[in-house]
Protein backbone atom coordinates (compact mmCIF):
# COMPACT_ATOMS: atom_id res chain seq x y z
CA MET A 1 6.57 -35.35 44.45
CA ASN A 2 3.13 -36.60 45.45
CA ASN A 3 -0.02 -37.08 43.39
CA ARG A 4 -1.12 -33.52 44.12
CA ASN A 5 1.98 -32.18 42.38
CA MET A 6 1.20 -34.35 39.37
CA GLU A 7 -2.33 -32.96 39.29
CA LYS A 8 -0.99 -29.41 39.34
CA LEU A 9 1.52 -30.08 36.55
CA THR A 10 -0.96 -31.83 34.27
CA GLY A 11 -3.64 -29.33 35.30
CA GLY A 12 -1.55 -26.45 34.03
CA LEU A 13 -1.12 -27.99 30.59
CA TRP A 14 -4.67 -29.29 30.19
CA GLY A 15 -5.98 -26.01 31.57
CA SER A 16 -4.07 -24.07 28.93
CA LEU A 17 -5.45 -26.17 26.07
CA VAL A 18 -8.98 -26.07 27.41
CA GLY A 19 -8.89 -22.30 27.92
CA ASP A 20 -7.51 -21.84 24.43
CA ALA A 21 -10.17 -24.06 22.83
CA LEU A 22 -12.95 -22.29 24.73
CA GLY A 23 -11.74 -19.00 23.27
CA VAL A 24 -11.08 -19.95 19.65
CA PRO A 25 -14.70 -19.65 18.40
CA VAL A 26 -15.12 -16.10 19.75
CA GLU A 27 -11.63 -14.70 19.10
CA PHE A 28 -11.59 -11.05 17.97
CA LYS A 29 -15.19 -10.43 19.02
CA ASN A 30 -15.60 -7.46 21.33
CA ARG A 31 -16.72 -7.85 24.92
CA ALA A 32 -20.28 -6.72 24.41
CA THR A 33 -20.78 -9.17 21.54
CA VAL A 34 -19.31 -12.10 23.46
CA GLN A 35 -21.26 -11.31 26.61
CA SER A 36 -24.51 -11.05 24.68
CA ASN A 37 -24.09 -14.78 23.99
CA PRO A 38 -21.52 -15.82 26.60
CA VAL A 39 -19.36 -18.88 26.33
CA THR A 40 -20.54 -21.50 28.84
CA GLY A 41 -18.73 -24.54 27.44
CA MET A 42 -17.07 -25.91 24.34
CA ARG A 43 -18.40 -24.51 21.06
CA GLY A 44 -17.32 -24.81 17.47
CA TYR A 45 -16.96 -22.76 14.27
CA GLU A 46 -17.77 -19.01 14.45
CA THR A 47 -14.58 -16.89 14.09
CA HIS A 48 -12.20 -19.45 12.56
CA GLN A 49 -14.76 -22.00 11.35
CA GLN A 50 -13.01 -24.75 13.30
CA PRO A 51 -14.73 -27.75 14.92
CA LEU A 52 -15.52 -27.88 18.62
CA GLY A 53 -12.44 -28.60 20.75
CA THR A 54 -9.97 -26.95 18.37
CA TRP A 55 -7.05 -25.21 20.00
CA SER A 56 -4.93 -22.53 18.35
CA ASP A 57 -1.29 -21.54 17.90
CA ASP A 58 -1.16 -20.87 21.66
CA SER A 59 -1.49 -24.54 22.57
CA LEU A 60 0.43 -25.66 19.51
CA MET A 61 3.52 -23.68 20.53
CA LEU A 62 3.04 -24.80 24.12
CA LEU A 63 3.06 -28.43 22.96
CA CYS A 64 6.17 -27.78 20.87
CA SER A 65 7.77 -26.49 24.07
CA VAL A 66 6.72 -29.58 26.03
CA GLU A 67 8.07 -31.84 23.29
CA SER A 68 11.40 -30.01 23.17
CA LEU A 69 11.81 -30.10 26.95
CA LEU A 70 11.17 -33.84 26.92
CA GLU A 71 14.06 -34.38 24.52
CA HIS A 72 16.49 -31.72 25.74
CA GLU A 73 17.11 -30.14 29.11
CA PHE A 74 16.72 -26.74 27.43
CA SER A 75 17.57 -25.94 23.82
CA PRO A 76 16.38 -22.67 22.25
CA GLU A 77 17.64 -23.87 18.87
CA ASP A 78 15.62 -27.08 19.05
CA LEU A 79 12.54 -25.19 20.18
CA ALA A 80 12.94 -22.70 17.35
CA GLN A 81 13.16 -25.53 14.83
CA ARG A 82 9.92 -27.00 16.15
CA PHE A 83 8.20 -23.67 15.63
CA LEU A 84 9.57 -23.64 12.09
CA SER A 85 8.24 -27.18 11.58
CA TRP A 86 4.80 -25.96 12.61
CA ASP A 87 4.91 -23.29 9.89
CA ARG A 88 6.36 -25.51 7.17
CA GLU A 89 4.99 -28.95 8.02
CA ASN A 90 1.90 -28.25 10.17
CA HIS A 91 3.61 -29.81 13.20
CA TRP A 92 1.24 -30.17 16.18
CA THR A 93 -1.65 -28.48 14.38
CA PRO A 94 -5.01 -29.75 15.68
CA HIS A 95 -6.38 -30.60 12.20
CA GLY A 96 -3.39 -30.46 9.85
CA ILE A 97 -3.63 -26.78 8.88
CA VAL A 98 -2.27 -23.50 10.22
CA PHE A 99 -5.22 -21.18 10.78
CA ASP A 100 -3.79 -18.60 13.18
CA MET A 101 -0.36 -17.04 13.69
CA GLY A 102 0.60 -13.73 15.28
CA ILE A 103 2.51 -11.13 13.28
CA ALA A 104 5.57 -11.01 15.57
CA THR A 105 5.68 -14.80 15.73
CA ARG A 106 5.48 -15.08 11.95
CA GLN A 107 8.34 -12.60 11.57
CA ALA A 108 10.43 -14.52 14.10
CA ILE A 109 9.78 -17.82 12.34
CA ARG A 110 10.94 -16.29 9.07
CA ARG A 111 14.19 -15.33 10.81
CA ILE A 112 14.52 -18.87 12.16
CA GLY A 113 14.08 -20.19 8.63
CA SER A 114 16.77 -17.89 7.31
CA GLY A 115 19.30 -19.22 9.82
CA VAL A 116 19.29 -16.50 12.48
CA THR A 117 20.37 -17.76 15.92
CA ALA A 118 17.31 -18.66 18.00
CA LEU A 119 17.88 -16.13 20.76
CA GLU A 120 18.16 -13.36 18.18
CA CYS A 121 14.95 -14.13 16.31
CA GLY A 122 12.40 -12.37 18.51
CA GLY A 123 11.60 -8.73 17.74
CA ARG A 124 13.12 -6.18 20.13
CA ASN A 125 11.08 -3.12 19.25
CA GLN A 126 8.57 -1.83 21.79
CA TYR A 127 5.85 -2.58 19.24
CA ASP A 128 6.85 -6.26 19.23
CA ASN A 129 5.22 -6.86 22.61
CA GLY A 130 2.32 -9.05 21.61
CA ASN A 131 1.38 -11.99 23.83
CA GLY A 132 2.93 -14.67 21.60
CA SER A 133 5.61 -15.78 24.05
CA LEU A 134 3.51 -15.44 27.20
CA MET A 135 0.91 -17.83 25.81
CA ARG A 136 3.45 -20.67 25.44
CA ILE A 137 5.82 -20.06 28.36
CA LEU A 138 4.12 -22.29 30.96
CA PRO A 139 6.07 -25.51 30.24
CA VAL A 140 9.38 -23.71 30.81
CA CYS A 141 8.04 -22.26 34.06
CA LEU A 142 6.97 -25.71 35.25
CA ARG A 143 10.14 -27.48 34.14
CA PHE A 144 12.47 -25.12 35.99
CA ALA A 145 10.24 -24.18 38.92
CA TYR A 146 12.62 -25.80 41.39
CA ALA A 147 15.83 -24.54 39.78
CA ASP A 148 17.85 -21.76 41.39
CA ASN A 149 16.41 -18.30 40.81
CA ASP A 150 18.98 -17.18 38.23
CA THR A 151 18.44 -20.30 36.11
CA PHE A 152 14.67 -20.02 36.42
CA VAL A 153 14.65 -16.41 35.20
CA GLN A 154 17.21 -16.97 32.45
CA ARG A 155 15.42 -19.98 30.99
CA ILE A 156 12.14 -18.06 30.81
CA GLU A 157 13.73 -14.98 29.27
CA ASP A 158 15.59 -17.09 26.69
CA ALA A 159 12.46 -19.03 25.76
CA SER A 160 10.54 -15.80 25.23
CA ALA A 161 13.33 -14.25 23.15
CA ILE A 162 12.89 -16.82 20.37
CA THR A 163 9.78 -14.95 19.20
CA HIS A 164 9.52 -11.91 21.50
CA GLY A 165 12.80 -10.39 22.61
CA HIS A 166 11.86 -7.01 24.03
CA GLN A 167 12.47 -6.56 27.76
CA ARG A 168 8.75 -6.07 28.40
CA SER A 169 7.85 -9.47 27.00
CA LEU A 170 10.70 -11.17 28.85
CA MET A 171 9.60 -9.54 32.10
CA ALA A 172 5.95 -10.42 31.57
CA CYS A 173 6.87 -14.07 31.05
CA VAL A 174 8.99 -14.05 34.20
CA MET A 175 6.18 -12.46 36.24
CA HIS A 176 3.87 -15.19 35.00
CA GLY A 177 6.47 -17.79 35.92
CA LEU A 178 6.90 -16.40 39.42
CA VAL A 179 3.18 -16.82 40.03
CA VAL A 180 3.23 -20.34 38.58
CA ARG A 181 6.14 -21.34 40.80
CA ARG A 182 4.30 -20.27 43.94
CA LEU A 183 1.04 -21.92 42.85
CA LEU A 184 2.94 -25.13 42.22
CA CYS A 185 4.24 -24.97 45.79
CA GLY A 186 0.68 -24.85 47.11
CA GLU A 187 0.08 -21.16 47.73
CA SER A 188 -3.36 -19.62 47.21
CA ALA A 189 -3.93 -17.29 44.27
CA LYS A 190 -3.80 -14.24 46.55
CA LEU A 191 -0.55 -15.25 48.24
CA ALA A 192 1.05 -16.42 45.00
CA VAL A 193 0.38 -13.15 43.20
CA ALA A 194 1.46 -11.01 46.16
CA GLY A 195 4.65 -13.03 46.60
CA ALA A 196 5.39 -12.92 42.89
CA GLN A 197 4.96 -9.15 42.89
CA ASP A 198 7.68 -8.88 45.54
CA ASP A 199 9.90 -11.38 43.73
CA PHE A 200 9.49 -9.46 40.47
CA ARG A 201 10.52 -6.16 42.02
CA SER A 202 13.61 -7.69 43.58
CA ILE A 203 14.67 -9.14 40.22
CA TYR A 204 14.11 -6.11 38.00
CA GLU A 205 14.29 -2.96 40.09
CA SER A 206 18.07 -2.74 39.67
CA TYR A 207 17.89 -2.97 35.87
CA TRP A 208 15.21 -2.44 33.22
CA ALA A 209 13.72 -0.13 35.86
CA ASP A 210 12.21 2.08 33.14
CA GLU A 211 9.97 -0.87 32.17
CA ILE A 212 8.69 -1.54 35.69
CA SER A 213 6.33 1.45 35.60
CA LEU A 214 4.42 -0.31 32.82
CA PHE A 215 3.72 -3.15 35.25
CA ARG A 216 1.98 -0.88 37.75
CA ASN A 217 -1.40 -2.62 37.37
CA VAL A 218 0.11 -6.10 37.46
CA LEU A 219 1.99 -5.10 40.62
CA HIS A 220 -0.95 -3.30 42.21
CA PRO A 221 -1.74 -4.67 45.71
CA VAL A 222 -5.48 -4.68 45.00
CA LEU A 223 -5.49 -5.93 41.41
CA ALA A 224 -8.40 -8.17 42.38
CA GLY A 225 -10.46 -5.09 43.15
CA PHE A 226 -10.19 -3.61 39.66
CA PRO A 227 -13.60 -3.39 37.93
CA GLU A 228 -14.09 -5.46 34.80
CA GLY A 229 -14.32 -2.26 32.76
CA GLY A 230 -10.73 -1.48 33.73
CA ILE A 231 -9.43 -4.83 32.50
CA PHE A 232 -8.42 -5.01 28.84
CA SER A 233 -8.02 -8.23 26.89
CA GLY A 234 -6.41 -7.51 23.55
CA GLY A 235 -3.24 -9.01 22.10
CA TYR A 236 -0.80 -6.77 24.01
CA VAL A 237 1.30 -8.81 26.43
CA MET A 238 0.55 -6.51 29.36
CA GLU A 239 -3.19 -6.80 28.82
CA THR A 240 -3.05 -10.60 28.69
CA LEU A 241 -0.90 -10.84 31.81
CA GLU A 242 -3.09 -8.44 33.77
CA ALA A 243 -6.37 -9.99 32.61
CA SER A 244 -5.27 -13.55 33.36
CA LEU A 245 -4.09 -12.67 36.88
CA TRP A 246 -7.31 -10.73 37.49
CA CYS A 247 -9.42 -13.71 36.42
CA LEU A 248 -7.41 -15.98 38.71
CA LEU A 249 -7.80 -13.62 41.66
CA THR A 250 -11.53 -12.99 41.22
CA THR A 251 -12.74 -16.59 40.90
CA ASP A 252 -12.51 -19.65 43.11
CA ASN A 253 -12.60 -22.59 40.70
CA PHE A 254 -11.24 -23.61 37.31
CA ARG A 255 -14.48 -23.38 35.34
CA ASP A 256 -15.29 -19.84 36.43
CA CYS A 257 -11.74 -18.61 35.83
CA ALA A 258 -11.53 -19.98 32.28
CA LEU A 259 -14.99 -18.76 31.30
CA LYS A 260 -14.41 -15.34 32.84
CA ALA A 261 -11.24 -14.97 30.79
CA VAL A 262 -12.87 -15.98 27.51
CA ASN A 263 -15.93 -13.81 28.07
CA LEU A 264 -13.77 -10.70 28.33
CA GLY A 265 -13.70 -10.76 24.52
CA GLY A 266 -10.82 -9.66 22.31
CA ASP A 267 -7.91 -12.09 22.20
CA THR A 268 -10.07 -14.72 23.83
CA ASP A 269 -8.01 -17.81 23.02
CA THR A 270 -4.84 -16.38 24.57
CA THR A 271 -6.48 -14.88 27.64
CA GLY A 272 -8.25 -18.21 28.09
CA CYS A 273 -5.02 -20.14 27.57
CA VAL A 274 -2.97 -18.14 30.07
CA ALA A 275 -5.71 -17.89 32.70
CA GLY A 276 -6.60 -21.55 32.17
CA GLY A 277 -3.01 -22.57 32.69
CA LEU A 278 -2.76 -20.64 35.94
CA ALA A 279 -6.08 -22.03 37.20
CA GLY A 280 -5.03 -25.52 36.18
CA VAL A 281 -1.88 -25.28 38.29
CA LEU A 282 -3.85 -23.85 41.22
CA TYR A 283 -6.76 -26.31 41.23
CA GLY A 284 -5.24 -29.34 39.50
CA SER A 285 -6.37 -31.46 36.58
CA ASP A 286 -9.25 -33.01 38.52
CA ALA A 287 -10.90 -29.59 38.70
CA ILE A 288 -11.14 -29.24 34.91
CA PRO A 289 -14.52 -30.36 33.52
CA ILE A 290 -13.90 -33.79 32.06
CA ASP A 291 -16.13 -33.13 29.05
CA TRP A 292 -13.99 -30.12 28.14
CA ILE A 293 -10.84 -32.23 28.05
CA ALA A 294 -12.65 -35.03 26.20
CA ALA A 295 -13.67 -32.61 23.45
CA LEU A 296 -10.10 -31.49 22.65
CA ALA A 297 -8.59 -32.28 19.27
CA ARG A 298 -5.87 -34.99 19.35
CA ARG A 299 -6.66 -35.59 23.01
CA GLU A 300 -5.00 -39.01 23.22
CA GLU A 301 -1.77 -37.77 21.61
CA VAL A 302 -1.73 -34.74 23.89
CA ALA A 303 -2.28 -36.95 26.94
CA VAL A 304 0.90 -38.91 26.17
CA VAL A 305 3.18 -35.87 26.15
CA VAL A 306 1.38 -34.20 29.08
CA ASP A 307 1.88 -37.26 31.27
CA LYS A 308 5.50 -37.75 30.21
CA PHE A 309 6.25 -34.10 30.89
CA ALA A 310 4.67 -34.19 34.34
CA GLU A 311 6.69 -37.28 35.19
CA LEU A 312 9.87 -35.55 34.02
CA CYS A 313 9.16 -32.52 36.19
CA CYS A 314 8.57 -34.81 39.19
CA ARG A 315 11.97 -36.52 39.00
């Protein structure tokens, strides 16, 4: 792979962390409140009273995934244990404390701690479809982007199932991965989303067909034309997937995509994380404002694993 591929790989990871950190201070605030004082760069405190550059459980679980993939080709059990280490030992926390954890993720981690097999830990009820696996799935998508299609899909579904095992969450993660794979190959946002929509239908129309209707907005040919008022940005996996793709399609640079995602309000850190990851893959690490990366907590430690992971993916 050439230097451009490296920029896309590192861009996806740095973009995720930056988008997350941009959103942490305004998480849970509604759209009107956020847009009355819009996020224009890194800020601190507010919702979680965390310093500027603090990322949340989104990036933490993403980094656990990167770390696991560096040490194992793919091990759900190892990844699950790293999530447990976060809960019990503050592993990969930005400042040594756990300040945010989703309900479904917390329940899954309790199952991990009680010895349940990793792939059985994620909730399988339709109400277990928060965005807690989508927010951390990017490293798996990048690592297996050039694998055969069956392996690519299975790895993503298995990684999601550790905390979110319902078909809807698995499918949302795969749809995200299909877009990432095409962006990594150099397609534009428009072509990547359109191609991923076709890929998604071919994978799932023969089974789990009853779930596909719930993806009607994500699969809509003119998703980019949806008005902002029709885009929701709460903690539901479908809202995060739709909002992040919409932000990608309606902007033409990293900065605008990440800020647009965060300023939708609601689950701002996760929308920012997912949209930032997509934009990072599309535009590359050089497109991310350098002062945003410089402000991130544990930046030097993160840089080590980001670079090692990108090198692994390039072999």
